[in-house]
Amino acid sequence: MFISTTDIIPGRNYQIIGLVRGNVAYSKHFGRDIMAGFKNLAGGEIKSYTDMVSEARNIAEERMVQEAQRVGADAVIATRMMNDTVTEATIEVVVYGTAVKFV
């Protein structure tokens, strides 16, 4: 599956199928919170949170790809990603784009 943040694919003709998206709500692990609290005192990157957000983004992107495959898409263009805090301990990541079929 070809995924692009651009609105067009130069040199390719395609038909627009429509919007596809994937999302995940991901919760912090208690152990991560304890270690993050210590890290907040010292400053610097909180690697466990970086890893958590990265994993959540990967899951959301994979879900978008699965939806694109279900509708018969060859590619997803104009892909965007958003994340937000749902509760103090939970983030949501949404990945969306336009599914297209090469002609």
N, C-alpha and C. Protein backbone atom coordinates (compact mmCIF):
# COMPACT_ATOMS: atom_id res chain seq x y z
N MET A 1 0.86 -1.18 0.00
CA MET A 1 0.00 0.00 0.00
C MET A 1 0.90 1.23 0.00
N PHE A 2 0.70 2.08 -0.99
CA PHE A 2 1.44 3.33 -1.08
C PHE A 2 0.72 4.37 -0.22
N ILE A 3 1.46 5.02 0.65
CA ILE A 3 0.89 6.05 1.53
C ILE A 3 1.69 7.33 1.33
N SER A 4 0.98 8.44 1.14
CA SER A 4 1.65 9.70 0.89
C SER A 4 0.94 10.84 1.61
N THR A 5 1.71 11.82 2.03
CA THR A 5 1.12 13.02 2.62
C THR A 5 0.78 14.05 1.55
N THR A 6 1.23 13.82 0.32
CA THR A 6 0.92 14.75 -0.77
C THR A 6 -0.50 14.54 -1.27
N ASP A 7 -1.03 15.56 -1.92
CA ASP A 7 -2.40 15.49 -2.43
C ASP A 7 -2.49 14.82 -3.79
N ILE A 8 -1.36 14.64 -4.45
CA ILE A 8 -1.35 13.99 -5.76
C ILE A 8 -0.17 13.03 -5.84
N ILE A 9 -0.24 12.10 -6.79
CA ILE A 9 0.87 11.21 -7.08
C ILE A 9 1.30 11.53 -8.51
N PRO A 10 2.40 12.23 -8.68
CA PRO A 10 2.82 12.63 -10.03
C PRO A 10 2.98 11.41 -10.95
N GLY A 11 2.47 11.55 -12.18
CA GLY A 11 2.62 10.49 -13.17
C GLY A 11 1.66 9.32 -13.02
N ARG A 12 0.77 9.37 -12.08
CA ARG A 12 -0.18 8.26 -11.88
C ARG A 12 -1.61 8.78 -12.07
N ASN A 13 -2.42 8.00 -12.72
CA ASN A 13 -3.84 8.29 -12.83
C ASN A 13 -4.57 7.41 -11.82
N TYR A 14 -5.54 8.00 -11.16
CA TYR A 14 -6.27 7.25 -10.15
C TYR A 14 -7.67 7.79 -9.97
N GLN A 15 -8.49 6.95 -9.41
CA GLN A 15 -9.86 7.30 -9.08
C GLN A 15 -9.96 7.41 -7.57
N ILE A 16 -10.61 8.44 -7.10
CA ILE A 16 -10.78 8.63 -5.65
C ILE A 16 -11.89 7.70 -5.16
N ILE A 17 -11.58 6.94 -4.12
CA ILE A 17 -12.57 6.06 -3.49
C ILE A 17 -13.25 6.79 -2.33
N GLY A 18 -12.45 7.44 -1.49
CA GLY A 18 -13.03 8.18 -0.38
C GLY A 18 -12.13 8.16 0.86
N LEU A 19 -12.66 8.68 1.92
CA LEU A 19 -11.94 8.80 3.19
C LEU A 19 -11.73 7.44 3.84
N VAL A 20 -10.53 7.22 4.33
CA VAL A 20 -10.24 6.05 5.18
C VAL A 20 -9.54 6.56 6.43
N ARG A 21 -9.72 5.85 7.51
CA ARG A 21 -9.09 6.29 8.76
C ARG A 21 -8.82 5.10 9.66
N GLY A 22 -7.94 5.33 10.60
CA GLY A 22 -7.67 4.36 11.64
C GLY A 22 -7.42 5.14 12.92
N ASN A 23 -7.88 4.60 14.01
CA ASN A 23 -7.63 5.29 15.28
C ASN A 23 -7.40 4.28 16.40
N VAL A 24 -6.80 4.78 17.46
CA VAL A 24 -6.58 3.96 18.64
C VAL A 24 -6.56 4.89 19.86
N ALA A 25 -7.16 4.43 20.93
CA ALA A 25 -7.03 5.10 22.23
C ALA A 25 -6.06 4.24 23.03
N TYR A 26 -5.00 4.84 23.50
CA TYR A 26 -3.91 4.10 24.13
C TYR A 26 -3.69 4.63 25.53
N SER A 27 -3.59 3.73 26.49
CA SER A 27 -3.45 4.12 27.89
C SER A 27 -2.02 3.92 28.38
N LYS A 28 -1.63 4.78 29.29
CA LYS A 28 -0.32 4.65 29.92
C LYS A 28 -0.31 3.45 30.86
N HIS A 29 0.83 2.88 31.01
CA HIS A 29 1.04 1.77 31.93
C HIS A 29 1.48 2.34 33.28
N PHE A 30 0.98 1.79 34.37
CA PHE A 30 1.29 2.28 35.70
C PHE A 30 2.80 2.39 35.94
N GLY A 31 3.54 1.38 35.51
CA GLY A 31 5.00 1.40 35.67
C GLY A 31 5.63 2.55 34.92
N ARG A 32 5.10 2.85 33.73
CA ARG A 32 5.61 3.98 32.96
C ARG A 32 5.38 5.29 33.70
N ASP A 33 4.21 5.41 34.34
CA ASP A 33 3.90 6.64 35.07
C ASP A 33 4.88 6.87 36.21
N ILE A 34 5.23 5.83 36.91
CA ILE A 34 6.17 5.96 38.03
C ILE A 34 7.52 6.44 37.51
N MET A 35 8.03 5.77 36.46
CA MET A 35 9.34 6.15 35.90
C MET A 35 9.29 7.55 35.29
N ALA A 36 8.17 7.91 34.67
CA ALA A 36 8.03 9.24 34.08
C ALA A 36 8.06 10.31 35.17
N GLY A 37 7.46 10.01 36.31
CA GLY A 37 7.49 10.95 37.42
C GLY A 37 8.91 11.25 37.87
N PHE A 38 9.75 10.23 37.93
CA PHE A 38 11.16 10.43 38.28
C PHE A 38 11.86 11.25 37.21
N LYS A 39 11.56 10.97 35.95
CA LYS A 39 12.20 11.67 34.84
C LYS A 39 11.79 13.13 34.82
N ASN A 40 10.55 13.42 35.19
CA ASN A 40 10.08 14.81 35.23
C ASN A 40 10.91 15.64 36.19
N LEU A 41 11.39 15.02 37.25
CA LEU A 41 12.22 15.74 38.21
C LEU A 41 13.57 16.12 37.62
N ALA A 42 14.12 15.23 36.82
CA ALA A 42 15.45 15.45 36.25
C ALA A 42 15.40 16.17 34.91
N GLY A 43 14.30 16.06 34.18
CA GLY A 43 14.19 16.65 32.85
C GLY A 43 14.68 15.69 31.78
N GLY A 44 14.34 16.00 30.54
CA GLY A 44 14.77 15.18 29.42
C GLY A 44 13.65 14.35 28.85
N GLU A 45 13.98 13.56 27.84
CA GLU A 45 13.00 12.74 27.15
C GLU A 45 12.50 11.62 28.06
N ILE A 46 11.20 11.39 28.01
CA ILE A 46 10.60 10.28 28.71
C ILE A 46 10.40 9.18 27.67
N LYS A 47 11.42 8.33 27.53
CA LYS A 47 11.47 7.33 26.47
C LYS A 47 10.26 6.42 26.46
N SER A 48 9.77 6.03 27.62
CA SER A 48 8.62 5.12 27.66
C SER A 48 7.39 5.77 27.04
N TYR A 49 7.21 7.07 27.21
CA TYR A 49 6.08 7.77 26.60
C TYR A 49 6.31 7.94 25.10
N THR A 50 7.54 8.23 24.70
CA THR A 50 7.86 8.33 23.28
C THR A 50 7.54 7.01 22.59
N ASP A 51 7.94 5.91 23.19
CA ASP A 51 7.66 4.59 22.64
C ASP A 51 6.16 4.32 22.58
N MET A 52 5.44 4.73 23.62
CA MET A 52 4.00 4.51 23.68
C MET A 52 3.30 5.26 22.55
N VAL A 53 3.66 6.51 22.34
CA VAL A 53 3.03 7.31 21.29
C VAL A 53 3.38 6.75 19.91
N SER A 54 4.62 6.34 19.73
CA SER A 54 5.05 5.75 18.47
C SER A 54 4.25 4.47 18.17
N GLU A 55 4.08 3.63 19.17
CA GLU A 55 3.32 2.40 19.00
C GLU A 55 1.87 2.70 18.66
N ALA A 56 1.28 3.67 19.33
CA ALA A 56 -0.10 4.05 19.05
C ALA A 56 -0.24 4.57 17.62
N ARG A 57 0.71 5.37 17.16
CA ARG A 57 0.67 5.87 15.78
C ARG A 57 0.77 4.72 14.78
N ASN A 58 1.63 3.76 15.05
CA ASN A 58 1.77 2.60 14.16
C ASN A 58 0.48 1.80 14.07
N ILE A 59 -0.19 1.61 15.21
CA ILE A 59 -1.45 0.87 15.23
C ILE A 59 -2.51 1.61 14.43
N ALA A 60 -2.63 2.93 14.64
CA ALA A 60 -3.62 3.72 13.93
C ALA A 60 -3.36 3.71 12.43
N GLU A 61 -2.09 3.82 12.02
CA GLU A 61 -1.77 3.78 10.59
C GLU A 61 -2.11 2.42 9.99
N GLU A 62 -1.79 1.36 10.70
CA GLU A 62 -2.11 0.02 10.20
C GLU A 62 -3.62 -0.16 10.05
N ARG A 63 -4.40 0.38 10.95
CA ARG A 63 -5.85 0.28 10.85
C ARG A 63 -6.38 1.05 9.65
N MET A 64 -5.75 2.21 9.35
CA MET A 64 -6.13 2.96 8.16
C MET A 64 -5.83 2.15 6.91
N VAL A 65 -4.66 1.53 6.86
CA VAL A 65 -4.27 0.70 5.71
C VAL A 65 -5.25 -0.46 5.55
N GLN A 66 -5.63 -1.10 6.64
CA GLN A 66 -6.59 -2.21 6.56
C GLN A 66 -7.92 -1.75 5.99
N GLU A 67 -8.38 -0.56 6.40
CA GLU A 67 -9.63 -0.03 5.85
C GLU A 67 -9.47 0.27 4.37
N ALA A 68 -8.33 0.82 3.97
CA ALA A 68 -8.07 1.11 2.55
C ALA A 68 -8.07 -0.18 1.74
N GLN A 69 -7.49 -1.23 2.26
CA GLN A 69 -7.49 -2.52 1.57
C GLN A 69 -8.90 -3.07 1.43
N ARG A 70 -9.71 -2.91 2.47
CA ARG A 70 -11.10 -3.40 2.44
C ARG A 70 -11.91 -2.73 1.32
N VAL A 71 -11.61 -1.46 1.03
CA VAL A 71 -12.37 -0.75 -0.01
C VAL A 71 -11.70 -0.85 -1.37
N GLY A 72 -10.62 -1.63 -1.47
CA GLY A 72 -9.97 -1.88 -2.76
C GLY A 72 -8.99 -0.82 -3.21
N ALA A 73 -8.46 -0.05 -2.29
CA ALA A 73 -7.53 1.03 -2.64
C ALA A 73 -6.13 0.49 -2.95
N ASP A 74 -5.44 1.20 -3.82
CA ASP A 74 -4.03 0.91 -4.10
C ASP A 74 -3.11 1.85 -3.32
N ALA A 75 -3.66 2.98 -2.90
CA ALA A 75 -2.85 3.99 -2.21
C ALA A 75 -3.75 4.86 -1.34
N VAL A 76 -3.12 5.57 -0.42
CA VAL A 76 -3.81 6.57 0.40
C VAL A 76 -3.00 7.85 0.25
N ILE A 77 -3.67 8.91 -0.23
CA ILE A 77 -2.99 10.20 -0.40
C ILE A 77 -3.55 11.20 0.62
N ALA A 78 -2.89 12.34 0.71
CA ALA A 78 -3.29 13.40 1.63
C ALA A 78 -3.42 12.87 3.06
N THR A 79 -2.51 11.99 3.45
CA THR A 79 -2.56 11.36 4.77
C THR A 79 -2.20 12.38 5.86
N ARG A 80 -2.96 12.35 6.92
CA ARG A 80 -2.73 13.23 8.07
C ARG A 80 -2.81 12.41 9.35
N MET A 81 -2.21 12.95 10.39
CA MET A 81 -2.20 12.27 11.69
C MET A 81 -2.48 13.31 12.78
N MET A 82 -3.33 12.92 13.71
CA MET A 82 -3.64 13.79 14.85
C MET A 82 -3.57 12.95 16.12
N ASN A 83 -3.18 13.59 17.18
CA ASN A 83 -3.29 12.92 18.47
C ASN A 83 -3.75 13.92 19.51
N ASP A 84 -4.45 13.39 20.50
CA ASP A 84 -5.04 14.22 21.53
C ASP A 84 -5.13 13.42 22.82
N THR A 85 -5.27 14.11 23.91
CA THR A 85 -5.45 13.47 25.21
C THR A 85 -6.94 13.25 25.44
N VAL A 86 -7.31 12.01 25.71
CA VAL A 86 -8.70 11.69 25.98
C VAL A 86 -8.97 11.89 27.47
N THR A 87 -8.13 11.32 28.30
CA THR A 87 -8.16 11.54 29.74
C THR A 87 -6.71 11.78 30.15
N GLU A 88 -6.48 11.99 31.40
CA GLU A 88 -5.12 12.23 31.89
C GLU A 88 -4.18 11.07 31.56
N ALA A 89 -4.72 9.87 31.48
CA ALA A 89 -3.87 8.69 31.28
C ALA A 89 -4.03 8.05 29.90
N THR A 90 -4.79 8.69 29.00
CA THR A 90 -5.07 8.07 27.71
C THR A 90 -4.92 9.06 26.57
N ILE A 91 -4.27 8.60 25.49
CA ILE A 91 -4.18 9.42 24.29
C ILE A 91 -4.97 8.73 23.17
N GLU A 92 -5.42 9.53 22.22
CA GLU A 92 -6.02 8.98 21.01
C GLU A 92 -5.19 9.44 19.83
N VAL A 93 -4.93 8.52 18.91
CA VAL A 93 -4.23 8.84 17.67
C VAL A 93 -5.17 8.49 16.52
N VAL A 94 -5.33 9.43 15.60
CA VAL A 94 -6.15 9.22 14.41
C VAL A 94 -5.28 9.47 13.18
N VAL A 95 -5.30 8.54 12.25
CA VAL A 95 -4.61 8.68 10.97
C VAL A 95 -5.68 8.57 9.89
N TYR A 96 -5.69 9.52 8.94
CA TYR A 96 -6.72 9.50 7.91
C TYR A 96 -6.16 10.01 6.59
N GLY A 97 -6.84 9.65 5.52
CA GLY A 97 -6.42 10.09 4.21
C GLY A 97 -7.45 9.72 3.16
N THR A 98 -7.11 9.98 1.91
CA THR A 98 -8.00 9.70 0.80
C THR A 98 -7.54 8.43 0.09
N ALA A 99 -8.41 7.43 0.08
CA ALA A 99 -8.11 6.16 -0.60
C ALA A 99 -8.32 6.35 -2.09
N VAL A 100 -7.35 5.83 -2.88
CA VAL A 100 -7.45 5.93 -4.34
C VAL A 100 -7.14 4.58 -4.98
N LYS A 101 -7.69 4.40 -6.19
CA LYS A 101 -7.47 3.19 -6.99
C LYS A 101 -6.80 3.62 -8.28
N PHE A 102 -5.65 3.00 -8.59
CA PHE A 102 -4.93 3.32 -9.83
C PHE A 102 -5.74 2.85 -11.03
N VAL A 103 -5.77 3.67 -12.09
CA VAL A 103 -6.48 3.29 -13.32
C VAL A 103 -5.51 3.22 -14.48
